[in-house]
Amino acid sequence: MIDVEQKKNKIISYIQTTGPSLPVRIAKVIEMDPMFASAILSELLNSKKIKMSNLRVGSSALYLIPGQENRLEEHTDNLKSIEKEAYLKLKESIILEDEKEEPATRVALRNIKDFAIPFEHEGKLLWKFSFSTEEEIQKKLNPKRIEIKEEPEIKNENSKEEKTEIRKERILENKGVILEKKNQSEKQKHPEEEKKRKVEEIFENKDSDKPEFLEEIKDFLKKKNIILTEEIKTEKKEIIGKAILRTSIGEIEFLLVAKNKLTTNKEELTAALQQARHYRSACLFILKKEPQGAIKKFFEENPIIKLLVI
């Protein structure tokens, strides 16, 4: 019987020692199949003991311990060319004004979320380098300001902060920046509606009939000791749902994506990968033929998505 807690502790210890790490390396360290290792990583993510980077090495994210964010700079060579230029420019300048940058740089700043933080100042959208100190930020914002100690305001402090926060949100929304806090608030208010909307938006089901492919997939899964627990999308060419795999470490839930064809493409794989991250689970991807070339390499580089061939 596998000791899951022992595996979790080993993962945390490894990341603490080596810094942000790829899932495939973590799987080797704990001596587990990448798919099972991904399931354990998902549990650690849910408990917030580890984090996942926005930066990608190949097509895989890095796992890190909270507080190791600045060590992501060790992996900036994996940024795209324009993103690397934007990162270096922001790091040197500490603050960049969105409107003054070239369109390509503005897009890049929105993509390098590990290093660029948007904020509003005097009605303008600015970007600050994630690892700059507050003192460095203030010097850039007020280069001619003489530092004066001010008495803190006690009266109506909450009201003032509240008004400032509302003004910030409105300006940032007008600039096209989606506020994470607002998103989280909406999800907390209507969790079931949000979940339903996400599913309907990405997996719109237009075919109400149960195709023969569904029965074929169920028979195949049964032989693999896998149970389809929920149907998200059921069509003649594609089945998407949630499944449970029974293993020696217990039941592991996966997102299941089955294609009624011989091959696939990177766009479909990326979509499946994004959905697996949305559900914080690994993904079982089913095809009718073993892929070759770049598609096969995609599966090798992304242990969170496991290929099964009928």
Protein backbone atom coordinates (compact mmCIF):
# COMPACT_ATOMS: atom_id res chain seq x y z
CA MET A 1 0.00 0.00 0.00
CA ILE A 2 1.37 3.39 -1.01
CA ASP A 3 1.79 5.94 1.80
CA VAL A 4 0.29 9.07 0.18
CA GLU A 5 1.25 11.38 3.06
CA GLN A 6 4.84 10.20 2.80
CA LYS A 7 4.78 11.01 -0.93
CA LYS A 8 3.36 14.47 -0.22
CA ASN A 9 6.06 15.21 2.33
CA LYS A 10 8.71 14.05 -0.11
CA ILE A 11 7.34 16.36 -2.82
CA ILE A 12 7.32 19.37 -0.49
CA SER A 13 10.84 18.59 0.72
CA TYR A 14 12.09 18.25 -2.86
CA ILE A 15 10.57 21.57 -3.99
CA GLN A 16 11.89 23.33 -0.88
CA THR A 17 15.38 22.14 -1.78
CA THR A 18 15.40 22.57 -5.56
CA GLY A 19 12.91 25.40 -6.04
CA PRO A 20 10.15 25.52 -8.73
CA SER A 21 10.04 22.08 -10.37
CA LEU A 22 8.46 20.31 -13.33
CA PRO A 23 5.85 17.60 -12.60
CA VAL A 24 7.79 15.01 -14.59
CA ARG A 25 10.84 15.50 -12.32
CA ILE A 26 8.69 15.35 -9.21
CA ALA A 27 7.20 12.07 -10.43
CA LYS A 28 10.70 10.58 -10.78
CA VAL A 29 11.70 11.74 -7.30
CA ILE A 30 8.70 10.08 -5.62
CA GLU A 31 9.04 7.05 -7.94
CA MET A 32 5.48 7.11 -9.24
CA ASP A 33 3.74 7.06 -12.59
CA PRO A 34 3.36 10.72 -13.74
CA MET A 35 -0.41 10.35 -13.83
CA PHE A 36 -0.61 9.26 -10.18
CA ALA A 37 1.94 11.90 -9.20
CA SER A 38 -0.28 14.54 -10.86
CA ALA A 39 -3.19 13.43 -8.69
CA ILE A 40 -1.10 13.93 -5.54
CA LEU A 41 0.09 17.33 -6.82
CA SER A 42 -3.56 18.30 -7.34
CA GLU A 43 -4.31 17.48 -3.69
CA LEU A 44 -1.38 19.64 -2.57
CA LEU A 45 -2.65 22.47 -4.79
CA ASN A 46 -6.13 22.23 -3.30
CA SER A 47 -4.70 22.43 0.22
CA LYS A 48 -2.55 25.42 -0.91
CA LYS A 49 0.65 23.77 0.25
CA ILE A 50 2.10 24.33 -3.22
CA LYS A 51 1.39 26.72 -6.10
CA MET A 52 1.51 26.43 -9.88
CA SER A 53 3.28 29.00 -12.05
CA ASN A 54 1.81 30.87 -14.99
CA LEU A 55 5.21 30.48 -16.71
CA ARG A 56 5.54 27.35 -18.82
CA VAL A 57 8.57 25.16 -19.52
CA GLY A 58 7.56 23.63 -22.81
CA SER A 59 3.87 23.25 -22.10
CA SER A 60 4.20 22.31 -18.41
CA ALA A 61 3.78 24.62 -15.45
CA LEU A 62 6.21 24.67 -12.52
CA TYR A 63 5.21 23.71 -8.99
CA LEU A 64 6.56 25.81 -6.13
CA ILE A 65 6.19 26.43 -2.41
CA PRO A 66 4.51 29.74 -1.45
CA GLY A 67 7.37 32.19 -0.88
CA GLN A 68 9.48 30.83 -3.75
CA GLU A 69 7.88 33.11 -6.36
CA ASN A 70 11.10 35.07 -6.97
CA ARG A 71 12.88 31.84 -7.91
CA LEU A 72 10.76 31.71 -11.05
CA GLU A 73 13.29 34.19 -12.44
CA GLU A 74 15.64 31.22 -12.77
CA HIS A 75 13.35 29.97 -15.55
CA THR A 76 12.77 33.16 -17.57
CA ASP A 77 14.77 31.75 -20.49
CA ASN A 78 11.62 29.74 -21.19
CA LEU A 79 9.59 32.89 -21.87
CA LYS A 80 8.75 33.77 -25.45
CA SER A 81 11.00 36.38 -27.04
CA ILE A 82 8.64 39.35 -26.63
CA GLU A 83 7.69 38.21 -23.13
CA LYS A 84 11.35 38.00 -22.13
CA GLU A 85 11.90 41.54 -23.47
CA ALA A 86 8.89 42.83 -21.52
CA TYR A 87 10.10 41.05 -18.36
CA LEU A 88 13.60 42.55 -18.62
CA LYS A 89 12.25 46.03 -19.39
CA LEU A 90 9.87 45.91 -16.42
CA LYS A 91 12.53 44.56 -14.09
CA GLU A 92 14.87 47.40 -15.04
CA SER A 93 12.23 50.14 -15.01
CA ILE A 94 10.28 48.75 -12.00
CA ILE A 95 7.17 50.53 -13.33
CA LEU A 96 5.78 50.81 -16.89
CA GLU A 97 2.81 52.86 -18.06
CA ASP A 98 0.52 50.70 -20.15
CA GLU A 99 -0.52 53.35 -22.69
CA LYS A 100 3.07 54.27 -23.50
CA GLU A 101 4.10 50.74 -24.47
CA GLU A 102 3.92 49.10 -27.88
CA PRO A 103 0.90 46.80 -28.41
CA ALA A 104 3.07 43.67 -28.40
CA THR A 105 4.64 44.70 -25.09
CA ARG A 106 1.24 45.44 -23.58
CA VAL A 107 0.04 41.95 -24.50
CA ALA A 108 3.25 40.42 -23.13
CA LEU A 109 2.82 42.22 -19.81
CA ARG A 110 -0.60 40.66 -19.46
CA ASN A 111 0.88 37.21 -20.12
CA ILE A 112 3.80 37.30 -17.67
CA LYS A 113 1.57 37.22 -14.59
CA ASP A 114 4.35 35.85 -12.39
CA PHE A 115 6.38 39.03 -12.89
CA ALA A 116 3.99 41.87 -13.81
CA ILE A 117 1.28 43.25 -11.50
CA PRO A 118 -1.27 45.81 -12.80
CA PHE A 119 -2.40 48.73 -10.65
CA GLU A 120 -3.95 52.17 -11.04
CA HIS A 121 -2.25 55.47 -10.27
CA GLU A 122 -3.69 58.91 -11.01
CA GLY A 123 -6.20 57.43 -13.43
CA LYS A 124 -3.61 55.47 -15.42
CA LEU A 125 -2.99 51.75 -15.72
CA LEU A 126 0.57 50.91 -14.63
CA TRP A 127 2.56 47.70 -14.28
CA LYS A 128 4.97 47.03 -11.45
CA PHE A 129 7.65 44.37 -11.19
CA SER A 130 6.45 41.66 -8.82
CA PHE A 131 9.59 41.52 -6.72
CA SER A 132 10.26 45.25 -6.31
CA THR A 133 10.02 46.68 -2.80
CA GLU A 134 7.35 49.20 -1.81
CA GLU A 135 10.11 51.77 -1.33
CA GLU A 136 11.30 51.28 -4.93
CA ILE A 137 7.73 51.60 -6.20
CA GLN A 138 7.13 54.84 -4.30
CA LYS A 139 10.38 56.38 -5.53
CA LYS A 140 9.31 55.70 -9.11
CA LEU A 141 5.82 57.07 -8.57
CA ASN A 142 6.97 60.19 -6.70
CA PRO A 143 10.60 60.89 -7.72
CA LYS A 144 10.52 64.54 -6.51
CA ARG A 145 8.51 63.98 -3.40
CA ILE A 146 10.17 64.84 -0.10
CA GLU A 147 9.44 62.17 2.44
CA ILE A 148 7.24 63.63 5.19
CA LYS A 149 5.89 61.69 8.11
CA GLU A 150 2.15 62.08 8.29
CA GLU A 151 -0.20 61.36 11.16
CA PRO A 152 -2.39 58.37 10.30
CA GLU A 153 -6.06 59.14 9.75
CA ILE A 154 -8.33 57.23 12.08
CA LYS A 155 -11.75 58.68 11.36
CA ASN A 156 -13.63 57.29 8.39
CA GLU A 157 -10.61 55.14 7.46
CA ASN A 158 -12.70 52.22 6.29
CA SER A 159 -14.95 54.48 4.23
CA LYS A 160 -11.97 56.11 2.51
CA GLU A 161 -10.35 52.76 1.67
CA GLU A 162 -13.64 51.45 0.40
CA LYS A 163 -14.09 54.41 -1.98
CA THR A 164 -10.51 54.10 -3.23
CA GLU A 165 -10.98 50.38 -3.87
CA ILE A 166 -14.20 50.97 -5.83
CA ARG A 167 -12.51 53.64 -7.93
CA LYS A 168 -9.59 51.29 -8.62
CA GLU A 169 -11.85 48.50 -9.75
CA ARG A 170 -13.80 50.73 -12.13
CA ILE A 171 -10.68 52.14 -13.78
CA LEU A 172 -9.03 48.75 -14.15
CA GLU A 173 -12.20 47.27 -15.61
CA ASN A 174 -12.32 50.07 -18.19
CA LYS A 175 -8.77 49.19 -19.14
CA GLY A 176 -9.78 45.59 -19.79
CA VAL A 177 -8.15 44.13 -16.69
CA ILE A 178 -10.20 41.42 -14.95
CA LEU A 179 -9.90 41.78 -11.22
CA GLU A 180 -9.16 38.51 -9.51
CA LYS A 181 -10.84 39.63 -6.32
CA LYS A 182 -14.07 40.36 -8.16
CA ASN A 183 -14.01 36.95 -9.83
CA GLN A 184 -13.47 35.19 -6.52
CA SER A 185 -16.30 37.16 -4.92
CA GLU A 186 -18.74 36.22 -7.69
CA LYS A 187 -17.76 32.57 -7.46
CA GLN A 188 -18.30 32.55 -3.71
CA LYS A 189 -21.76 34.07 -4.12
CA HIS A 190 -22.92 31.74 -6.86
CA PRO A 191 -20.57 28.73 -6.93
CA GLU A 192 -23.00 26.36 -8.60
CA GLU A 193 -24.08 28.90 -11.23
CA GLU A 194 -20.44 29.73 -12.00
CA LYS A 195 -19.54 26.06 -12.35
CA LYS A 196 -22.55 25.42 -14.57
CA ARG A 197 -21.75 28.44 -16.75
CA LYS A 198 -18.15 27.33 -17.21
CA VAL A 199 -19.18 23.85 -18.24
CA GLU A 200 -21.83 25.14 -20.66
CA GLU A 201 -19.48 27.71 -22.13
CA ILE A 202 -16.67 25.31 -22.92
CA PHE A 203 -18.48 22.05 -23.37
CA GLU A 204 -21.74 23.01 -25.13
CA ASN A 205 -23.71 19.85 -25.75
CA LYS A 206 -25.83 19.99 -28.88
CA ASP A 207 -26.49 16.25 -29.26
CA SER A 208 -28.97 14.79 -26.77
CA ASP A 209 -28.87 11.29 -28.25
CA LYS A 210 -26.62 8.68 -26.68
CA PRO A 211 -24.24 7.57 -29.47
CA GLU A 212 -22.77 4.11 -29.88
CA PHE A 213 -19.37 5.65 -29.12
CA LEU A 214 -20.48 6.22 -25.52
CA GLU A 215 -21.19 2.52 -25.03
CA GLU A 216 -17.87 1.67 -26.65
CA ILE A 217 -16.07 4.00 -24.23
CA LYS A 218 -17.90 2.59 -21.20
CA ASP A 219 -16.94 -0.97 -22.18
CA PHE A 220 -13.33 0.10 -22.68
CA LEU A 221 -13.19 1.90 -19.33
CA LYS A 222 -14.68 -1.08 -17.53
CA LYS A 223 -11.79 -3.23 -18.72
CA LYS A 224 -9.38 -0.61 -17.33
CA ASN A 225 -11.15 -0.54 -13.96
CA ILE A 226 -12.31 3.02 -14.66
CA ILE A 227 -15.85 4.28 -13.96
CA LEU A 228 -17.48 7.14 -15.88
CA THR A 229 -19.23 9.10 -13.11
CA GLU A 230 -20.47 12.16 -14.99
CA GLU A 231 -21.18 13.01 -18.63
CA ILE A 232 -20.30 16.61 -19.51
CA LYS A 233 -20.48 16.30 -23.29
CA THR A 234 -21.76 13.32 -25.27
CA GLU A 235 -21.51 13.34 -29.05
CA LYS A 236 -20.81 10.86 -31.84
CA LYS A 237 -17.23 12.06 -32.21
CA GLU A 238 -16.40 13.06 -28.65
CA ILE A 239 -17.13 12.12 -25.05
CA ILE A 240 -16.15 14.41 -22.18
CA GLY A 241 -16.86 13.65 -18.55
CA LYS A 242 -15.51 12.81 -15.14
CA ALA A 243 -14.15 9.38 -14.30
CA ILE A 244 -12.77 7.54 -11.30
CA LEU A 245 -9.77 5.26 -11.50
CA ARG A 246 -9.43 2.67 -8.75
CA THR A 247 -5.83 2.27 -7.65
CA SER A 248 -3.84 0.94 -4.73
CA ILE A 249 -3.80 4.44 -3.22
CA GLY A 250 -7.57 4.81 -3.47
CA GLU A 251 -9.95 6.32 -6.00
CA ILE A 252 -8.56 9.13 -8.18
CA GLU A 253 -10.87 11.43 -10.12
CA PHE A 254 -9.95 12.50 -13.65
CA LEU A 255 -11.33 14.57 -16.46
CA LEU A 256 -12.05 12.16 -19.32
CA VAL A 257 -11.75 13.26 -22.97
CA ALA A 258 -12.42 10.56 -25.58
CA LYS A 259 -12.07 11.23 -29.33
CA ASN A 260 -13.77 8.96 -31.86
CA LYS A 261 -10.89 9.30 -34.32
CA LEU A 262 -7.35 8.14 -34.99
CA THR A 263 -5.47 11.35 -34.25
CA THR A 264 -5.74 14.77 -32.58
CA ASN A 265 -3.97 18.13 -32.62
CA LYS A 266 -2.29 20.45 -30.13
CA GLU A 267 -5.31 22.74 -29.94
CA GLU A 268 -7.52 19.91 -28.69
CA LEU A 269 -4.85 18.73 -26.27
CA THR A 270 -4.31 22.23 -24.91
CA ALA A 271 -8.05 22.64 -24.40
CA ALA A 272 -8.18 19.34 -22.51
CA LEU A 273 -5.20 20.36 -20.41
CA GLN A 274 -6.81 23.68 -19.51
CA GLN A 275 -9.99 21.93 -18.46
CA ALA A 276 -8.04 19.46 -16.31
CA ARG A 277 -6.42 22.43 -14.53
CA HIS A 278 -9.84 24.05 -14.15
CA TYR A 279 -11.09 20.95 -12.32
CA ARG A 280 -7.71 20.60 -10.55
CA SER A 281 -7.33 17.04 -11.76
CA ALA A 282 -5.35 14.96 -14.20
CA CYS A 283 -6.80 14.11 -17.62
CA LEU A 284 -7.37 10.80 -19.39
CA PHE A 285 -7.29 11.36 -23.15
CA ILE A 286 -8.56 8.50 -25.33
CA LEU A 287 -7.74 7.97 -29.02
CA LYS A 288 -8.14 5.06 -31.43
CA LYS A 289 -4.50 5.01 -32.48
CA GLU A 290 -1.10 5.63 -30.90
CA PRO A 291 0.04 9.14 -31.95
CA GLN A 292 3.45 9.97 -33.35
CA GLY A 293 5.75 12.98 -33.63
CA ALA A 294 4.79 16.23 -31.92
CA ILE A 295 1.54 14.82 -30.51
CA LYS A 296 3.34 11.96 -28.81
CA LYS A 297 5.91 14.40 -27.45
CA PHE A 298 3.10 16.56 -26.03
CA PHE A 299 1.93 13.68 -23.86
CA GLU A 300 5.50 12.98 -22.74
CA GLU A 301 6.02 16.62 -21.68
CA ASN A 302 2.70 16.87 -19.84
CA PRO A 303 2.29 14.11 -17.26
CA ILE A 304 -0.97 15.67 -16.10
CA ILE A 305 -2.58 14.31 -19.28
CA LYS A 306 -2.46 10.54 -19.82
CA LEU A 307 -3.06 8.84 -23.17
CA LEU A 308 -5.12 5.68 -23.52
CA VAL A 309 -5.59 3.93 -26.87
CA ILE A 310 -8.68 1.84 -27.58
